[in-house]
């Protein structure tokens, strides 16, 4: 069974949770970040042990069904993650190239030999 996710657009739905003692409110109507399958991935807020979430609705959402579905990542999600990791690794490589400086002893020898 596979069904495309759709989200309300009223702004009246959110998921509230805590991670490392900080409260987070994740908008769901509509969500800001969705997976390629148009679902919301809350794995960044899951830790080993007990996890608590509140779905807060401020208007009638009886036309919708909200389901927390735990599963292994889908091929589409894995592909998206691999693409993100590749872009991140390229960014790190570029920023390291800008942050690498020439050792000062080589600069000293060059400028000293010119005198």
PDB file of N, CA and C in Angstrom:
ATOM      1  N   UNK A   1       0.844  -1.180   0.000  1.00  0.00           N
ATOM      2  CA  UNK A   1       0.000   0.000   0.000  1.00  0.00           C
ATOM      3  C   UNK A   1       0.885   1.236   0.000  1.00  0.00           C
ATOM      4  N   UNK A   2       0.716   2.092  -0.981  1.00  0.00           N
ATOM      5  CA  UNK A   2       1.471   3.333  -1.042  1.00  0.00           C
ATOM      6  C   UNK A   2       0.521   4.445  -1.448  1.00  0.00           C
ATOM      7  N   UNK A   3       0.524   5.504  -0.676  1.00  0.00           N
ATOM      8  CA  UNK A   3      -0.330   6.633  -0.969  1.00  0.00           C
ATOM      9  C   UNK A   3       0.488   7.905  -0.840  1.00  0.00           C
ATOM     10  N   UNK A   4       0.338   8.824  -1.784  1.00  0.00           N
ATOM     11  CA  UNK A   4       1.036  10.097  -1.737  1.00  0.00           C
ATOM     12  C   UNK A   4       0.509  10.909  -0.559  1.00  0.00           C
ATOM     13  N   UNK A   5       1.402  11.504   0.190  1.00  0.00           N
ATOM     14  CA  UNK A   5       1.018  12.349   1.312  1.00  0.00           C
ATOM     15  C   UNK A   5       0.547  13.704   0.805  1.00  0.00           C
ATOM     16  N   UNK A   6      -0.475  14.225   1.431  1.00  0.00           N
ATOM     17  CA  UNK A   6      -0.896  15.602   1.173  1.00  0.00           C
ATOM     18  C   UNK A   6      -1.049  16.281   2.530  1.00  0.00           C
ATOM     19  N   UNK A   7      -0.883  17.592   2.536  1.00  0.00           N
ATOM     20  CA  UNK A   7      -0.858  18.334   3.794  1.00  0.00           C
ATOM     21  C   UNK A   7      -1.830  19.498   3.760  1.00  0.00           C
ATOM     22  N   UNK A   8      -2.441  19.798   4.917  1.00  0.00           N
ATOM     23  CA  UNK A   8      -3.279  20.996   4.976  1.00  0.00           C
ATOM     24  C   UNK A   8      -2.407  22.239   4.786  1.00  0.00           C
ATOM     25  N   UNK A   9      -3.020  23.325   4.365  1.00  0.00           N
ATOM     26  CA  UNK A   9      -2.255  24.561   4.135  1.00  0.00           C
ATOM     27  C   UNK A   9      -2.727  25.703   5.040  1.00  0.00           C
ATOM     28  N   UNK A  10      -3.523  25.389   6.032  1.00  0.00           N
ATOM     29  CA  UNK A  10      -4.127  26.404   6.898  1.00  0.00           C
ATOM     30  C   UNK A  10      -3.155  27.030   7.896  1.00  0.00           C
ATOM     31  N   UNK A  11      -2.012  26.383   8.143  1.00  0.00           N
ATOM     32  CA  UNK A  11      -1.070  26.888   9.148  1.00  0.00           C
ATOM     33  C   UNK A  11      -1.448  26.504  10.559  1.00  0.00           C
ATOM     34  N   UNK A  12      -2.454  25.658  10.711  1.00  0.00           N
ATOM     35  CA  UNK A  12      -2.995  25.331  12.033  1.00  0.00           C
ATOM     36  C   UNK A  12      -2.561  23.971  12.573  1.00  0.00           C
ATOM     37  N   UNK A  13      -1.447  23.444  12.089  1.00  0.00           N
ATOM     38  CA  UNK A  13      -1.009  22.125  12.538  1.00  0.00           C
ATOM     39  C   UNK A  13       0.498  22.122  12.720  1.00  0.00           C
ATOM     40  N   UNK A  14       0.953  21.575  13.841  1.00  0.00           N
ATOM     41  CA  UNK A  14       2.393  21.479  14.083  1.00  0.00           C
ATOM     42  C   UNK A  14       2.696  20.251  14.928  1.00  0.00           C
ATOM     43  N   UNK A  15       3.944  19.857  14.883  1.00  0.00           N
ATOM     44  CA  UNK A  15       4.462  18.782  15.721  1.00  0.00           C
ATOM     45  C   UNK A  15       5.411  19.425  16.717  1.00  0.00           C
ATOM     46  N   UNK A  16       5.225  19.157  17.995  1.00  0.00           N
ATOM     47  CA  UNK A  16       6.086  19.739  19.021  1.00  0.00           C
ATOM     48  C   UNK A  16       6.837  18.622  19.726  1.00  0.00           C
ATOM     49  N   UNK A  17       8.127  18.851  19.946  1.00  0.00           N
ATOM     50  CA  UNK A  17       8.976  17.859  20.597  1.00  0.00           C
ATOM     51  C   UNK A  17      10.156  18.559  21.249  1.00  0.00           C
ATOM     52  N   UNK A  18      10.933  17.806  21.994  1.00  0.00           N
ATOM     53  CA  UNK A  18      12.155  18.318  22.597  1.00  0.00           C
ATOM     54  C   UNK A  18      13.309  17.431  22.186  1.00  0.00           C
ATOM     55  N   UNK A  19      14.460  18.071  22.005  1.00  0.00           N
ATOM     56  CA  UNK A  19      15.694  17.335  21.720  1.00  0.00           C
ATOM     57  C   UNK A  19      16.800  18.043  22.475  1.00  0.00           C
ATOM     58  N   UNK A  20      17.541  17.307  23.263  1.00  0.00           N
ATOM     59  CA  UNK A  20      18.632  17.860  24.064  1.00  0.00           C
ATOM     60  C   UNK A  20      18.153  19.026  24.929  1.00  0.00           C
ATOM     61  N   UNK A  21      16.934  18.925  25.456  1.00  0.00           N
ATOM     62  CA  UNK A  21      16.401  19.936  26.358  1.00  0.00           C
ATOM     63  C   UNK A  21      15.815  21.154  25.671  1.00  0.00           C
ATOM     64  N   UNK A  22      15.922  21.255  24.356  1.00  0.00           N
ATOM     65  CA  UNK A  22      15.372  22.388  23.605  1.00  0.00           C
ATOM     66  C   UNK A  22      14.057  21.999  22.950  1.00  0.00           C
ATOM     67  N   UNK A  23      13.085  22.891  23.041  1.00  0.00           N
ATOM     68  CA  UNK A  23      11.797  22.650  22.414  1.00  0.00           C
ATOM     69  C   UNK A  23      11.829  22.987  20.932  1.00  0.00           C
ATOM     70  N   UNK A  24      11.150  22.195  20.132  1.00  0.00           N
ATOM     71  CA  UNK A  24      11.065  22.418  18.694  1.00  0.00           C
ATOM     72  C   UNK A  24       9.611  22.364  18.265  1.00  0.00           C
ATOM     73  N   UNK A  25       9.241  23.268  17.379  1.00  0.00           N
ATOM     74  CA  UNK A  25       7.922  23.259  16.763  1.00  0.00           C
ATOM     75  C   UNK A  25       8.142  23.075  15.267  1.00  0.00           C
ATOM     76  N   UNK A  26       7.600  22.001  14.738  1.00  0.00           N
ATOM     77  CA  UNK A  26       7.767  21.661  13.321  1.00  0.00           C
ATOM     78  C   UNK A  26       6.432  21.920  12.621  1.00  0.00           C
ATOM     79  N   UNK A  27       6.357  22.946  11.771  1.00  0.00           N
ATOM     80  CA  UNK A  27       5.098  23.236  11.068  1.00  0.00           C
ATOM     81  C   UNK A  27       4.709  22.080  10.149  1.00  0.00           C
ATOM     82  N   UNK A  28       3.418  21.756  10.136  1.00  0.00           N
ATOM     83  CA  UNK A  28       2.932  20.673   9.285  1.00  0.00           C
ATOM     84  C   UNK A  28       1.813  21.113   8.343  1.00  0.00           C
ATOM     85  N   UNK A  29       1.421  22.373   8.359  1.00  0.00           N
ATOM     86  CA  UNK A  29       0.279  22.798   7.541  1.00  0.00           C
ATOM     87  C   UNK A  29       0.603  24.066   6.763  1.00  0.00           C
ATOM     88  N   UNK A  30       1.386  24.030   5.746  1.00  0.00           N
ATOM     89  CA  UNK A  30       2.105  22.859   5.228  1.00  0.00           C
ATOM     90  C   UNK A  30       3.464  22.716   5.901  1.00  0.00           C
ATOM     91  N   UNK A  31       4.066  21.536   5.779  1.00  0.00           N
ATOM     92  CA  UNK A  31       5.408  21.353   6.335  1.00  0.00           C
ATOM     93  C   UNK A  31       6.441  22.142   5.530  1.00  0.00           C
ATOM     94  N   UNK A  32       7.491  22.562   6.201  1.00  0.00           N
ATOM     95  CA  UNK A  32       8.553  23.307   5.526  1.00  0.00           C
ATOM     96  C   UNK A  32       9.471  22.359   4.771  1.00  0.00           C
ATOM     97  N   UNK A  33       9.819  21.246   5.390  1.00  0.00           N
ATOM     98  CA  UNK A  33      10.714  20.268   4.771  1.00  0.00           C
ATOM     99  C   UNK A  33       9.977  18.951   4.597  1.00  0.00           C
ATOM    100  N   UNK A  34       9.984  18.433   3.391  1.00  0.00           N
ATOM    101  CA  UNK A  34       9.370  17.133   3.120  1.00  0.00           C
ATOM    102  C   UNK A  34      10.375  16.240   2.410  1.00  0.00           C
ATOM    103  N   UNK A  35      10.158  14.956   2.509  1.00  0.00           N
ATOM    104  CA  UNK A  35      10.991  13.983   1.803  1.00  0.00           C
ATOM    105  C   UNK A  35      10.588  13.978   0.330  1.00  0.00           C
ATOM    106  N   UNK A  36      11.346  13.293  -0.509  1.00  0.00           N
ATOM    107  CA  UNK A  36      10.935  13.184  -1.922  1.00  0.00           C
ATOM    108  C   UNK A  36       9.542  12.561  -2.082  1.00  0.00           C
ATOM    109  N   UNK A  37       9.080  11.826  -1.058  1.00  0.00           N
ATOM    110  CA  UNK A  37       7.753  11.207  -1.093  1.00  0.00           C
ATOM    111  C   UNK A  37       6.673  12.135  -0.531  1.00  0.00           C
ATOM    112  N   UNK A  38       7.049  13.384  -0.208  1.00  0.00           N
ATOM    113  CA  UNK A  38       6.149  14.392   0.354  1.00  0.00           C
ATOM    114  C   UNK A  38       5.702  14.050   1.783  1.00  0.00           C
ATOM    115  N   UNK A  39       6.538  13.310   2.491  1.00  0.00           N
ATOM    116  CA  UNK A  39       6.281  13.011   3.896  1.00  0.00           C
ATOM    117  C   UNK A  39       7.219  13.865   4.759  1.00  0.00           C
ATOM    118  N   UNK A  40       7.006  13.874   6.053  1.00  0.00           N
ATOM    119  CA  UNK A  40       7.867  14.630   6.962  1.00  0.00           C
ATOM    120  C   UNK A  40       8.767  13.639   7.692  1.00  0.00           C
ATOM    121  N   UNK A  41      10.066  13.859   7.601  1.00  0.00           N
ATOM    122  CA  UNK A  41      11.048  12.996   8.254  1.00  0.00           C
ATOM    123  C   UNK A  41      11.411  13.612   9.605  1.00  0.00           C
ATOM    124  N   UNK A  42      11.058  12.932  10.680  1.00  0.00           N
ATOM    125  CA  UNK A  42      11.360  13.440  12.022  1.00  0.00           C
ATOM    126  C   UNK A  42      12.507  12.665  12.669  1.00  0.00           C
ATOM    127  N   UNK A  43      13.270  11.927  11.874  1.00  0.00           N
ATOM    128  CA  UNK A  43      14.341  11.093  12.431  1.00  0.00           C
ATOM    129  C   UNK A  43      15.401  11.903  13.167  1.00  0.00           C
ATOM    130  N   UNK A  44      15.595  13.179  12.812  1.00  0.00           N
ATOM    131  CA  UNK A  44      16.585  14.008  13.506  1.00  0.00           C
ATOM    132  C   UNK A  44      16.186  14.255  14.962  1.00  0.00           C
ATOM    133  N   UNK A  45      14.926  14.032  15.290  1.00  0.00           N
ATOM    134  CA  UNK A  45      14.442  14.277  16.642  1.00  0.00           C
ATOM    135  C   UNK A  45      14.279  12.992  17.444  1.00  0.00           C
ATOM    136  N   UNK A  46      14.605  11.859  16.853  1.00  0.00           N
ATOM    137  CA  UNK A  46      14.458  10.559  17.513  1.00  0.00           C
ATOM    138  C   UNK A  46      15.766  10.175  18.178  1.00  0.00           C
ATOM    139  N   UNK A  47      15.692   9.743  19.386  1.00  0.00           N
ATOM    140  CA  UNK A  47      16.848   9.254  20.131  1.00  0.00           C
ATOM    141  C   UNK A  47      16.523   7.870  20.675  1.00  0.00           C
ATOM    142  N   UNK A  48      17.550   7.128  21.005  1.00  0.00           N
ATOM    143  CA  UNK A  48      17.354   5.830  21.624  1.00  0.00           C
ATOM    144  C   UNK A  48      16.633   6.034  22.954  1.00  0.00           C
ATOM    145  N   UNK A  49      15.655   5.216  23.228  1.00  0.00           N
ATOM    146  CA  UNK A  49      14.890   5.353  24.470  1.00  0.00           C
ATOM    147  C   UNK A  49      13.541   6.003  24.216  1.00  0.00           C
ATOM    148  N   UNK A  50      13.052   6.690  25.222  1.00  0.00           N
ATOM    149  CA  UNK A  50      11.728   7.303  25.145  1.00  0.00           C
ATOM    150  C   UNK A  50      11.761   8.601  24.339  1.00  0.00           C
ATOM    151  N   UNK A  51      10.787   8.776  23.468  1.00  0.00           N
ATOM    152  CA  UNK A  51      10.614   9.990  22.668  1.00  0.00           C
ATOM    153  C   UNK A  51       9.171  10.454  22.837  1.00  0.00           C
ATOM    154  N   UNK A  52       8.980  11.759  22.960  1.00  0.00           N
ATOM    155  CA  UNK A  52       7.626  12.303  23.129  1.00  0.00           C
ATOM    156  C   UNK A  52       7.372  13.384  22.086  1.00  0.00           C
ATOM    157  N   UNK A  53       6.191  13.322  21.471  1.00  0.00           N
ATOM    158  CA  UNK A  53       5.770  14.279  20.465  1.00  0.00           C
ATOM    159  C   UNK A  53       4.336  14.675  20.747  1.00  0.00           C
ATOM    160  N   UNK A  54       4.000  15.889  20.399  1.00  0.00           N
ATOM    161  CA  UNK A  54       2.610  16.350  20.458  1.00  0.00           C
ATOM    162  C   UNK A  54       2.249  16.895  19.092  1.00  0.00           C
ATOM    163  N   UNK A  55       1.135  16.430  18.555  1.00  0.00           N
ATOM    164  CA  UNK A  55       0.604  17.005  17.331  1.00  0.00           C
ATOM    165  C   UNK A  55      -0.447  18.009  17.784  1.00  0.00           C
ATOM    166  N   UNK A  56      -0.220  19.280  17.435  1.00  0.00           N
ATOM    167  CA  UNK A  56      -1.099  20.351  17.878  1.00  0.00           C
ATOM    168  C   UNK A  56      -1.878  20.868  16.677  1.00  0.00           C
ATOM    169  N   UNK A  57      -3.200  20.757  16.763  1.00  0.00           N
ATOM    170  CA  UNK A  57      -4.051  21.274  15.699  1.00  0.00           C
ATOM    171  C   UNK A  57      -4.925  22.379  16.276  1.00  0.00           C
ATOM    172  N   UNK A  58      -4.974  23.486  15.556  1.00  0.00           N
ATOM    173  CA  UNK A  58      -5.716  24.655  16.033  1.00  0.00           C
ATOM    174  C   UNK A  58      -7.008  24.877  15.258  1.00  0.00           C
ATOM    175  N   UNK A  59      -7.329  23.950  14.380  1.00  0.00           N
ATOM    176  CA  UNK A  59      -8.589  24.012  13.637  1.00  0.00           C
ATOM    177  C   UNK A  59      -9.007  22.582  13.296  1.00  0.00           C
ATOM    178  N   UNK A  60     -10.168  22.453  12.678  1.00  0.00           N
ATOM    179  CA  UNK A  60     -10.706  21.141  12.321  1.00  0.00           C
ATOM    180  C   UNK A  60      -9.821  20.469  11.273  1.00  0.00           C
ATOM    181  N   UNK A  61      -9.280  19.316  11.599  1.00  0.00           N
ATOM    182  CA  UNK A  61      -8.447  18.545  10.672  1.00  0.00           C
ATOM    183  C   UNK A  61      -9.090  17.181  10.394  1.00  0.00           C
ATOM    184  N   UNK A  62     -10.404  17.102  10.511  1.00  0.00           N
ATOM    185  CA  UNK A  62     -11.097  15.822  10.364  1.00  0.00           C
ATOM    186  C   UNK A  62     -11.030  15.261   8.948  1.00  0.00           C
ATOM    187  N   UNK A  63     -10.605  16.069   7.972  1.00  0.00           N
ATOM    188  CA  UNK A  63     -10.441  15.566   6.606  1.00  0.00           C
ATOM    189  C   UNK A  63      -9.095  14.887   6.404  1.00  0.00           C
ATOM    190  N   UNK A  64      -8.277  14.873   7.436  1.00  0.00           N
ATOM    191  CA  UNK A  64      -6.925  14.308   7.336  1.00  0.00           C
ATOM    192  C   UNK A  64      -6.731  13.187   8.337  1.00  0.00           C
ATOM    193  N   UNK A  65      -5.808  12.294   8.012  1.00  0.00           N
ATOM    194  CA  UNK A  65      -5.378  11.241   8.917  1.00  0.00           C
ATOM    195  C   UNK A  65      -3.872  11.408   9.094  1.00  0.00           C
ATOM    196  N   UNK A  66      -3.414  11.447  10.332  1.00  0.00           N
ATOM    197  CA  UNK A  66      -1.990  11.605  10.618  1.00  0.00           C
ATOM    198  C   UNK A  66      -1.467  10.303  11.183  1.00  0.00           C
ATOM    199  N   UNK A  67      -0.393   9.814  10.572  1.00  0.00           N
ATOM    200  CA  UNK A  67       0.158   8.507  10.922  1.00  0.00           C
ATOM    201  C   UNK A  67       1.653   8.645  11.170  1.00  0.00           C
ATOM    202  N   UNK A  68       2.132   8.091  12.253  1.00  0.00           N
ATOM    203  CA  UNK A  68       3.572   8.001  12.498  1.00  0.00           C
ATOM    204  C   UNK A  68       3.984   6.620  12.009  1.00  0.00           C
ATOM    205  N   UNK A  69       4.802   6.601  10.981  1.00  0.00           N
ATOM    206  CA  UNK A  69       5.180   5.350  10.330  1.00  0.00           C
ATOM    207  C   UNK A  69       6.697   5.174  10.428  1.00  0.00           C
ATOM    208  N   UNK A  70       7.126   4.202  11.193  1.00  0.00           N
ATOM    209  CA  UNK A  70       8.558   3.907  11.326  1.00  0.00           C
ATOM    210  C   UNK A  70       8.936   2.854  10.283  1.00  0.00           C
ATOM    211  N   UNK A  71       9.998   3.128   9.529  1.00  0.00           N
ATOM    212  CA  UNK A  71      10.414   2.197   8.487  1.00  0.00           C
ATOM    213  C   UNK A  71      11.882   2.420   8.150  1.00  0.00           C
ATOM    214  N   UNK A  72      12.453   1.471   7.442  1.00  0.00           N
ATOM    215  CA  UNK A  72      13.795   1.651   6.900  1.00  0.00           C
ATOM    216  C   UNK A  72      13.691   2.667   5.766  1.00  0.00           C
ATOM    217  N   UNK A  73      14.736   3.426   5.510  1.00  0.00           N
ATOM    218  CA  UNK A  73      14.666   4.417   4.429  1.00  0.00           C
ATOM    219  C   UNK A  73      14.333   3.761   3.090  1.00  0.00           C
ATOM    220  N   UNK A  74      13.516   4.458   2.311  1.00  0.00           N
ATOM    221  CA  UNK A  74      13.152   3.977   0.980  1.00  0.00           C
ATOM    222  C   UNK A  74      14.312   4.252   0.023  1.00  0.00           C
ATOM    223  N   UNK A  75      14.341   3.604  -1.144  1.00  0.00           N
ATOM    224  CA  UNK A  75      15.390   3.905  -2.131  1.00  0.00           C
ATOM    225  C   UNK A  75      15.432   5.393  -2.511  1.00  0.00           C
ATOM    226  N   UNK A  76      14.277   6.031  -2.612  1.00  0.00           N
ATOM    227  CA  UNK A  76      14.240   7.464  -2.944  1.00  0.00           C
ATOM    228  C   UNK A  76      14.884   8.278  -1.821  1.00  0.00           C
ATOM    229  N   UNK A  77      14.577   7.943  -0.570  1.00  0.00           N
ATOM    230  CA  UNK A  77      15.168   8.654   0.570  1.00  0.00           C
ATOM    231  C   UNK A  77      16.677   8.428   0.629  1.00  0.00           C
ATOM    232  N   UNK A  78      17.124   7.211   0.368  1.00  0.00           N
ATOM    233  CA  UNK A  78      18.560   6.921   0.380  1.00  0.00           C
ATOM    234  C   UNK A  78      19.286   7.683  -0.724  1.00  0.00           C
ATOM    235  N   UNK A  79      18.670   7.768  -1.888  1.00  0.00           N
ATOM    236  CA  UNK A  79      19.261   8.510  -2.993  1.00  0.00           C
ATOM    237  C   UNK A  79      19.367   9.994  -2.642  1.00  0.00           C
ATOM    238  N   UNK A  80      18.337  10.534  -2.048  1.00  0.00           N
ATOM    239  CA  UNK A  80      18.338  11.937  -1.622  1.00  0.00           C
ATOM    240  C   UNK A  80      19.435  12.183  -0.590  1.00  0.00           C
ATOM    241  N   UNK A  81      19.584  11.280   0.368  1.00  0.00           N
ATOM    242  CA  UNK A  81      20.612  11.401   1.397  1.00  0.00           C
ATOM    243  C   UNK A  81      22.004  11.306   0.783  1.00  0.00           C
ATOM    244  N   UNK A  82      22.213  10.386  -0.151  1.00  0.00           N
ATOM    245  CA  UNK A  82      23.515  10.254  -0.806  1.00  0.00           C
ATOM    246  C   UNK A  82      23.867  11.528  -1.567  1.00  0.00           C
ATOM    247  N   UNK A  83      22.892  12.119  -2.226  1.00  0.00           N
ATOM    248  CA  UNK A  83      23.118  13.367  -2.958  1.00  0.00           C
ATOM    249  C   UNK A  83      23.481  14.492  -1.990  1.00  0.00           C
ATOM    250  N   UNK A  84      22.794  14.575  -0.877  1.00  0.00           N
ATOM    251  CA  UNK A  84      23.088  15.593   0.141  1.00  0.00           C
ATOM    252  C   UNK A  84      24.504  15.403   0.695  1.00  0.00           C
ATOM    253  N   UNK A  85      24.851  14.164   1.015  1.00  0.00           N
ATOM    254  CA  UNK A  85      26.193  13.898   1.559  1.00  0.00           C
ATOM    255  C   UNK A  85      27.284  14.259   0.560  1.00  0.00           C
ATOM    256  N   UNK A  86      27.057  13.959  -0.722  1.00  0.00           N
ATOM    257  CA  UNK A  86      28.051  14.286  -1.745  1.00  0.00           C
ATOM    258  C   UNK A  86      28.245  15.798  -1.839  1.00  0.00           C
ATOM    259  N   UNK A  87      27.140  16.560  -1.860  1.00  0.00           N
ATOM    260  CA  UNK A  87      27.241  18.027  -1.911  1.00  0.00           C
ATOM    261  C   UNK A  87      27.934  18.565  -0.667  1.00  0.00           C
ATOM    262  N   UNK A  88      27.638  17.982   0.495  1.00  0.00           N
ATOM    263  CA  UNK A  88      28.266  18.422   1.737  1.00  0.00           C
ATOM    264  C   UNK A  88      29.774  18.151   1.712  1.00  0.00           C
ATOM    265  N   UNK A  89      30.174  16.966   1.255  1.00  0.00           N
ATOM    266  CA  UNK A  89      31.603  16.631   1.171  1.00  0.00           C
ATOM    267  C   UNK A  89      32.330  17.565   0.204  1.00  0.00           C
ATOM    268  N   UNK A  90      31.699  17.911  -0.921  1.00  0.00           N
ATOM    269  CA  UNK A  90      32.302  18.851  -1.869  1.00  0.00           C
ATOM    270  C   UNK A  90      32.450  20.231  -1.229  1.00  0.00           C
ATOM    271  N   UNK A  91      31.445  20.655  -0.471  1.00  0.00           N
ATOM    272  CA  UNK A  91      31.501  21.952   0.209  1.00  0.00           C
ATOM    273  C   UNK A  91      32.635  21.967   1.231  1.00  0.00           C
ATOM    274  N   UNK A  92      32.769  20.911   2.003  1.00  0.00           N
ATOM    275  CA  UNK A  92      33.842  20.829   2.994  1.00  0.00           C
ATOM    276  C   UNK A  92      35.197  20.892   2.296  1.00  0.00           C
ATOM    277  N   UNK A  93      35.339  20.189   1.189  1.00  0.00           N
ATOM    278  CA  UNK A  93      36.597  20.184   0.440  1.00  0.00           C
ATOM    279  C   UNK A  93      36.937  21.591  -0.058  1.00  0.00           C
ATOM    280  N   UNK A  94      35.949  22.298  -0.591  1.00  0.00           N
ATOM    281  CA  UNK A  94      36.173  23.667  -1.080  1.00  0.00           C
ATOM    282  C   UNK A  94      36.550  24.598   0.064  1.00  0.00           C
ATOM    283  N   UNK A  95      35.829  24.533   1.173  1.00  0.00           N
ATOM    284  CA  UNK A  95      36.130  25.442   2.291  1.00  0.00           C
ATOM    285  C   UNK A  95      37.492  25.138   2.900  1.00  0.00           C
ATOM    286  N   UNK A  96      37.890  23.881   2.924  1.00  0.00           N
ATOM    287  CA  UNK A  96      39.232  23.553   3.431  1.00  0.00           C
ATOM    288  C   UNK A  96      40.314  24.121   2.522  1.00  0.00           C
ATOM    289  N   UNK A  97      40.066  24.120   1.220  1.00  0.00           N
ATOM    290  CA  UNK A  97      41.044  24.669   0.277  1.00  0.00           C
ATOM    291  C   UNK A  97      41.243  26.163   0.527  1.00  0.00           C
ATOM    292  N   UNK A  98      40.181  26.867   0.866  1.00  0.00           N
ATOM    293  CA  UNK A  98      40.302  28.294   1.167  1.00  0.00           C
ATOM    294  C   UNK A  98      40.961  28.554   2.510  1.00  0.00           C
ATOM    295  N   UNK A  99      40.831  27.612   3.421  1.00  0.00           N
ATOM    296  CA  UNK A  99      41.351  27.813   4.778  1.00  0.00           C
ATOM    297  C   UNK A  99      42.780  27.312   4.955  1.00  0.00           C
ATOM    298  N   UNK A 100      43.327  26.654   3.952  1.00  0.00           N
ATOM    299  CA  UNK A 100      44.681  26.134   4.058  1.00  0.00           C
ATOM    300  C   UNK A 100      45.672  27.252   3.743  1.00  0.00           C
ATOM    301  N   UNK A 101      46.572  27.470   4.662  1.00  0.00           N
ATOM    302  CA  UNK A 101      47.565  28.523   4.431  1.00  0.00           C
ATOM    303  C   UNK A 101      48.943  27.896   4.216  1.00  0.00           C
ATOM    304  N   UNK A 102      49.802  28.655   3.575  1.00  0.00           N
ATOM    305  CA  UNK A 102      51.168  28.214   3.352  1.00  0.00           C
ATOM    306  C   UNK A 102      51.926  28.370   4.664  1.00  0.00           C
ATOM    307  N   UNK A 103      52.728  27.406   5.035  1.00  0.00           N
ATOM    308  CA  UNK A 103      53.484  27.529   6.287  1.00  0.00           C
ATOM    309  C   UNK A 103      54.326  28.799   6.290  1.00  0.00           C
ATOM    310  N   UNK A 104      54.375  29.497   7.413  1.00  0.00           N
ATOM    311  CA  UNK A 104      55.079  30.776   7.499  1.00  0.00           C
ATOM    312  C   UNK A 104      56.584  30.618   7.318  1.00  0.00           C
ATOM    313  N   UNK A 105      57.151  29.473   7.660  1.00  0.00           N
ATOM    314  CA  UNK A 105      58.600  29.314   7.500  1.00  0.00           C
ATOM    315  C   UNK A 105      59.003  29.375   6.031  1.00  0.00           C
ATOM    316  N   UNK A 106      58.146  28.866   5.121  1.00  0.00           N
ATOM    317  CA  UNK A 106      58.438  28.960   3.700  1.00  0.00           C
ATOM    318  C   UNK A 106      58.358  30.411   3.234  1.00  0.00           C
ATOM    319  N   UNK A 107      57.402  31.149   3.744  1.00  0.00           N
ATOM    320  CA  UNK A 107      57.298  32.565   3.398  1.00  0.00           C
ATOM    321  C   UNK A 107      58.533  33.325   3.882  1.00  0.00           C
ATOM    322  N   UNK A 108      58.993  32.999   5.058  1.00  0.00           N
ATOM    323  CA  UNK A 108      60.169  33.674   5.621  1.00  0.00           C
ATOM    324  C   UNK A 108      61.389  33.410   4.761  1.00  0.00           C
ATOM    325  N   UNK A 109      61.588  32.155   4.342  1.00  0.00           N
ATOM    326  CA  UNK A 109      62.753  31.822   3.518  1.00  0.00           C
ATOM    327  C   UNK A 109      62.687  32.549   2.186  1.00  0.00           C
ATOM    328  N   UNK A 110      61.492  32.642   1.588  1.00  0.00           N
ATOM    329  CA  UNK A 110      61.366  33.320   0.315  1.00  0.00           C
ATOM    330  C   UNK A 110      61.667  34.805   0.452  1.00  0.00           C
ATOM    331  N   UNK A 111      61.083  35.461   1.427  1.00  0.00           N
ATOM    332  CA  UNK A 111      61.300  36.892   1.560  1.00  0.00           C
ATOM    333  C   UNK A 111      62.717  37.191   2.045  1.00  0.00           C
ATOM    334  N   UNK A 112      63.295  36.309   2.845  1.00  0.00           N
ATOM    335  CA  UNK A 112      64.658  36.501   3.347  1.00  0.00           C
ATOM    336  C   UNK A 112      65.682  36.330   2.220  1.00  0.00           C
ATOM    337  N   UNK A 113      65.427  35.395   1.320  1.00  0.00           N
ATOM    338  CA  UNK A 113      66.373  35.150   0.219  1.00  0.00           C
ATOM    339  C   UNK A 113      66.374  36.288  -0.793  1.00  0.00           C
ATOM    340  N   UNK A 114      65.320  37.086  -0.838  1.00  0.00           N
ATOM    341  CA  UNK A 114      65.250  38.219  -1.757  1.00  0.00           C
ATOM    342  C   UNK A 114      66.060  39.424  -1.252  1.00  0.00           C
ATOM    343  N   UNK A 115      66.366  39.468   0.025  1.00  0.00           N
ATOM    344  CA  UNK A 115      67.074  40.626   0.579  1.00  0.00           C
ATOM    345  C   UNK A 115      68.527  40.639   0.216  1.00  0.00           C
TER     346      UNK A 115
END
